[in-house]
Amino acid sequence: MNKYADCYYCGGPVTERKTAKPCLWGEQLIAIVDKVPTGVCEQCGEKYYKAIVLKLIDQILKHRTKIKARIQVPLADFSKATA
């Protein structure tokens, strides 16, 4: 388990959890990496990632290693919403 400093934004305690990390290329979702060690602020929910974790995610995406499945996600256009 990694240790994290208190939250930069609210000062709350940050604890490690395994989360799903959406990975974007510009504004396009290219993958979701599951079970990523993530520091999560207990007060505001801000997420923190260690540099080594981000490097490993980059390797996974670059070399397409450990890709378990492909999913389809519906895309809605918020600009078409009416109040």
N, C-alpha and C. Protein backbone atom coordinates (compact mmCIF):
# COMPACT_ATOMS: atom_id res chain seq x y z
N MET A 1 0.85 -1.18 0.00
CA MET A 1 0.00 0.00 0.00
C MET A 1 0.89 1.24 0.00
N ASN A 2 0.64 2.15 -0.94
CA ASN A 2 1.41 3.39 -1.04
C ASN A 2 0.90 4.42 -0.04
N LYS A 3 1.77 5.32 0.35
CA LYS A 3 1.38 6.43 1.22
C LYS A 3 1.24 7.67 0.35
N TYR A 4 0.27 8.50 0.69
CA TYR A 4 0.01 9.73 -0.05
C TYR A 4 -0.02 10.90 0.92
N ALA A 5 0.36 12.07 0.44
CA ALA A 5 0.24 13.28 1.24
C ALA A 5 -1.24 13.65 1.34
N ASP A 6 -1.57 14.57 2.22
CA ASP A 6 -2.95 15.05 2.30
C ASP A 6 -3.35 15.71 0.99
N CYS A 7 -4.63 15.82 0.75
CA CYS A 7 -5.17 16.38 -0.49
C CYS A 7 -4.68 17.81 -0.72
N TYR A 8 -4.22 18.07 -1.91
CA TYR A 8 -3.75 19.40 -2.29
C TYR A 8 -4.88 20.42 -2.27
N TYR A 9 -6.09 20.00 -2.59
CA TYR A 9 -7.21 20.92 -2.73
C TYR A 9 -7.94 21.22 -1.42
N CYS A 10 -8.23 20.18 -0.63
CA CYS A 10 -9.04 20.40 0.57
C CYS A 10 -8.32 20.05 1.86
N GLY A 11 -7.14 19.42 1.77
CA GLY A 11 -6.39 19.05 2.96
C GLY A 11 -6.84 17.75 3.61
N GLY A 12 -7.81 17.07 3.00
CA GLY A 12 -8.32 15.82 3.56
C GLY A 12 -7.33 14.68 3.45
N PRO A 13 -7.57 13.61 4.20
CA PRO A 13 -6.68 12.44 4.13
C PRO A 13 -6.88 11.68 2.81
N VAL A 14 -5.79 11.18 2.26
CA VAL A 14 -5.82 10.44 1.00
C VAL A 14 -5.45 8.99 1.29
N THR A 15 -6.31 8.07 0.88
CA THR A 15 -6.05 6.65 1.07
C THR A 15 -6.07 5.94 -0.28
N GLU A 16 -5.36 4.83 -0.34
CA GLU A 16 -5.26 4.09 -1.61
C GLU A 16 -6.45 3.16 -1.79
N ARG A 17 -6.97 3.16 -3.00
CA ARG A 17 -8.05 2.25 -3.43
C ARG A 17 -7.71 1.77 -4.83
N LYS A 18 -8.34 0.70 -5.23
CA LYS A 18 -8.23 0.21 -6.61
C LYS A 18 -9.42 0.79 -7.38
N THR A 19 -9.14 1.56 -8.43
CA THR A 19 -10.20 2.19 -9.20
C THR A 19 -10.04 1.89 -10.68
N ALA A 20 -11.06 2.21 -11.44
CA ALA A 20 -10.99 2.15 -12.91
C ALA A 20 -10.54 3.52 -13.39
N LYS A 21 -9.52 3.56 -14.25
CA LYS A 21 -9.00 4.83 -14.77
C LYS A 21 -9.34 4.97 -16.24
N PRO A 22 -10.20 5.96 -16.57
CA PRO A 22 -10.44 6.23 -17.98
C PRO A 22 -9.19 6.87 -18.60
N CYS A 23 -8.81 6.41 -19.78
CA CYS A 23 -7.64 6.95 -20.47
C CYS A 23 -8.11 7.63 -21.75
N LEU A 24 -7.74 8.87 -21.90
CA LEU A 24 -8.21 9.69 -23.02
C LEU A 24 -7.08 10.03 -23.97
N TRP A 25 -7.42 10.18 -25.25
CA TRP A 25 -6.52 10.73 -26.26
C TRP A 25 -7.25 11.97 -26.75
N GLY A 26 -6.82 13.14 -26.28
CA GLY A 26 -7.60 14.35 -26.51
C GLY A 26 -8.89 14.22 -25.74
N GLU A 27 -10.01 14.27 -26.43
CA GLU A 27 -11.30 14.11 -25.78
C GLU A 27 -11.90 12.73 -26.01
N GLN A 28 -11.18 11.86 -26.69
CA GLN A 28 -11.71 10.54 -27.03
C GLN A 28 -11.24 9.49 -26.01
N LEU A 29 -12.18 8.75 -25.46
CA LEU A 29 -11.88 7.65 -24.55
C LEU A 29 -11.27 6.51 -25.35
N ILE A 30 -10.05 6.11 -25.00
CA ILE A 30 -9.41 5.02 -25.75
C ILE A 30 -9.35 3.72 -24.96
N ALA A 31 -9.44 3.81 -23.63
CA ALA A 31 -9.42 2.60 -22.81
C ALA A 31 -9.83 2.94 -21.39
N ILE A 32 -10.23 1.90 -20.67
CA ILE A 32 -10.45 2.00 -19.24
C ILE A 32 -9.56 0.93 -18.62
N VAL A 33 -8.67 1.35 -17.75
CA VAL A 33 -7.78 0.40 -17.09
C VAL A 33 -8.34 0.17 -15.69
N ASP A 34 -8.62 -1.09 -15.38
CA ASP A 34 -9.27 -1.44 -14.12
C ASP A 34 -8.25 -1.81 -13.05
N LYS A 35 -8.65 -1.68 -11.81
CA LYS A 35 -7.87 -2.08 -10.64
C LYS A 35 -6.56 -1.30 -10.52
N VAL A 36 -6.59 -0.01 -10.80
CA VAL A 36 -5.42 0.86 -10.72
C VAL A 36 -5.26 1.37 -9.29
N PRO A 37 -4.05 1.24 -8.69
CA PRO A 37 -3.84 1.82 -7.37
C PRO A 37 -3.93 3.34 -7.45
N THR A 38 -4.87 3.90 -6.71
CA THR A 38 -5.18 5.33 -6.81
C THR A 38 -5.32 5.91 -5.41
N GLY A 39 -4.69 7.05 -5.20
CA GLY A 39 -4.91 7.78 -3.96
C GLY A 39 -6.20 8.57 -4.11
N VAL A 40 -7.14 8.39 -3.19
CA VAL A 40 -8.43 9.06 -3.28
C VAL A 40 -8.66 9.85 -1.99
N CYS A 41 -8.94 11.14 -2.13
CA CYS A 41 -9.22 11.99 -0.97
C CYS A 41 -10.54 11.55 -0.34
N GLU A 42 -10.51 11.35 0.97
CA GLU A 42 -11.70 10.91 1.70
C GLU A 42 -12.75 12.01 1.80
N GLN A 43 -12.35 13.28 1.64
CA GLN A 43 -13.30 14.39 1.78
C GLN A 43 -13.90 14.82 0.44
N CYS A 44 -13.03 15.07 -0.55
CA CYS A 44 -13.54 15.65 -1.81
C CYS A 44 -13.51 14.68 -2.99
N GLY A 45 -12.82 13.55 -2.85
CA GLY A 45 -12.79 12.56 -3.93
C GLY A 45 -11.72 12.78 -4.98
N GLU A 46 -10.87 13.80 -4.82
CA GLU A 46 -9.79 14.04 -5.77
C GLU A 46 -8.92 12.79 -5.86
N LYS A 47 -8.44 12.48 -7.09
CA LYS A 47 -7.65 11.27 -7.31
C LYS A 47 -6.20 11.62 -7.60
N TYR A 48 -5.31 10.78 -7.09
CA TYR A 48 -3.87 10.96 -7.27
C TYR A 48 -3.27 9.65 -7.75
N TYR A 49 -2.32 9.74 -8.69
CA TYR A 49 -1.65 8.57 -9.23
C TYR A 49 -0.14 8.74 -9.05
N LYS A 50 0.53 7.69 -8.62
CA LYS A 50 1.99 7.69 -8.54
C LYS A 50 2.54 7.66 -9.96
N ALA A 51 3.72 8.26 -10.16
CA ALA A 51 4.33 8.32 -11.49
C ALA A 51 4.55 6.94 -12.08
N ILE A 52 5.00 5.98 -11.27
CA ILE A 52 5.25 4.63 -11.78
C ILE A 52 3.96 3.97 -12.27
N VAL A 53 2.85 4.26 -11.61
CA VAL A 53 1.56 3.71 -12.03
C VAL A 53 1.18 4.24 -13.40
N LEU A 54 1.37 5.55 -13.62
CA LEU A 54 1.05 6.15 -14.92
C LEU A 54 1.97 5.62 -16.01
N LYS A 55 3.23 5.38 -15.69
CA LYS A 55 4.16 4.80 -16.67
C LYS A 55 3.73 3.39 -17.06
N LEU A 56 3.30 2.60 -16.09
CA LEU A 56 2.85 1.24 -16.39
C LEU A 56 1.57 1.26 -17.22
N ILE A 57 0.67 2.18 -16.94
CA ILE A 57 -0.54 2.32 -17.76
C ILE A 57 -0.16 2.68 -19.19
N ASP A 58 0.80 3.57 -19.35
CA ASP A 58 1.27 3.95 -20.68
C ASP A 58 1.81 2.73 -21.43
N GLN A 59 2.57 1.88 -20.73
CA GLN A 59 3.09 0.66 -21.36
C GLN A 59 1.97 -0.28 -21.76
N ILE A 60 0.99 -0.43 -20.89
CA ILE A 60 -0.15 -1.31 -21.20
C ILE A 60 -0.84 -0.84 -22.48
N LEU A 61 -1.07 0.46 -22.58
CA LEU A 61 -1.78 0.99 -23.75
C LEU A 61 -0.91 0.98 -25.00
N LYS A 62 0.36 1.29 -24.85
CA LYS A 62 1.26 1.35 -26.00
C LYS A 62 1.48 -0.03 -26.62
N HIS A 63 1.65 -1.03 -25.77
CA HIS A 63 1.96 -2.37 -26.26
C HIS A 63 0.75 -3.30 -26.28
N ARG A 64 -0.39 -2.76 -25.88
CA ARG A 64 -1.64 -3.53 -25.85
C ARG A 64 -1.50 -4.80 -25.02
N THR A 65 -0.71 -4.72 -23.95
CA THR A 65 -0.57 -5.87 -23.07
C THR A 65 -1.68 -5.86 -22.03
N LYS A 66 -2.04 -7.00 -21.59
CA LYS A 66 -3.03 -7.16 -20.53
C LYS A 66 -4.41 -6.61 -20.89
N ILE A 67 -4.72 -6.50 -22.18
CA ILE A 67 -6.05 -6.10 -22.61
C ILE A 67 -6.95 -7.33 -22.47
N LYS A 68 -7.93 -7.27 -21.56
CA LYS A 68 -8.77 -8.43 -21.27
C LYS A 68 -10.01 -8.49 -22.13
N ALA A 69 -10.58 -7.35 -22.40
CA ALA A 69 -11.87 -7.36 -23.11
C ALA A 69 -12.10 -6.02 -23.77
N ARG A 70 -13.06 -6.01 -24.66
CA ARG A 70 -13.50 -4.76 -25.29
C ARG A 70 -14.95 -4.56 -24.89
N ILE A 71 -15.30 -3.33 -24.60
CA ILE A 71 -16.67 -3.03 -24.22
C ILE A 71 -17.21 -1.93 -25.13
N GLN A 72 -18.51 -1.87 -25.23
CA GLN A 72 -19.15 -0.79 -25.96
C GLN A 72 -19.92 0.05 -24.95
N VAL A 73 -19.80 1.35 -25.11
CA VAL A 73 -20.45 2.28 -24.18
C VAL A 73 -21.31 3.23 -24.98
N PRO A 74 -22.58 3.41 -24.60
CA PRO A 74 -23.42 4.38 -25.29
C PRO A 74 -22.88 5.79 -25.11
N LEU A 75 -22.93 6.60 -26.16
CA LEU A 75 -22.48 7.98 -26.10
C LEU A 75 -23.67 8.90 -26.28
N ALA A 76 -23.89 9.74 -25.29
CA ALA A 76 -24.98 10.72 -25.36
C ALA A 76 -24.39 12.10 -25.59
N ASP A 77 -25.12 12.95 -26.26
CA ASP A 77 -24.67 14.31 -26.56
C ASP A 77 -25.42 15.28 -25.64
N PHE A 78 -24.71 15.82 -24.65
CA PHE A 78 -25.32 16.70 -23.66
C PHE A 78 -25.87 17.99 -24.31
N SER A 79 -25.24 18.43 -25.39
CA SER A 79 -25.68 19.68 -26.02
C SER A 79 -27.08 19.55 -26.60
N LYS A 80 -27.58 18.33 -26.75
CA LYS A 80 -28.94 18.11 -27.27
C LYS A 80 -29.99 18.09 -26.16
N ALA A 81 -29.56 18.23 -24.90
CA ALA A 81 -30.49 18.17 -23.76
C ALA A 81 -31.34 19.43 -23.70
N THR A 82 -32.56 19.26 -23.26
CA THR A 82 -33.47 20.40 -23.06
C THR A 82 -33.92 20.43 -21.62
N ALA A 83 -34.11 21.62 -21.11
CA ALA A 83 -34.50 21.75 -19.69
C ALA A 83 -36.00 21.72 -19.56
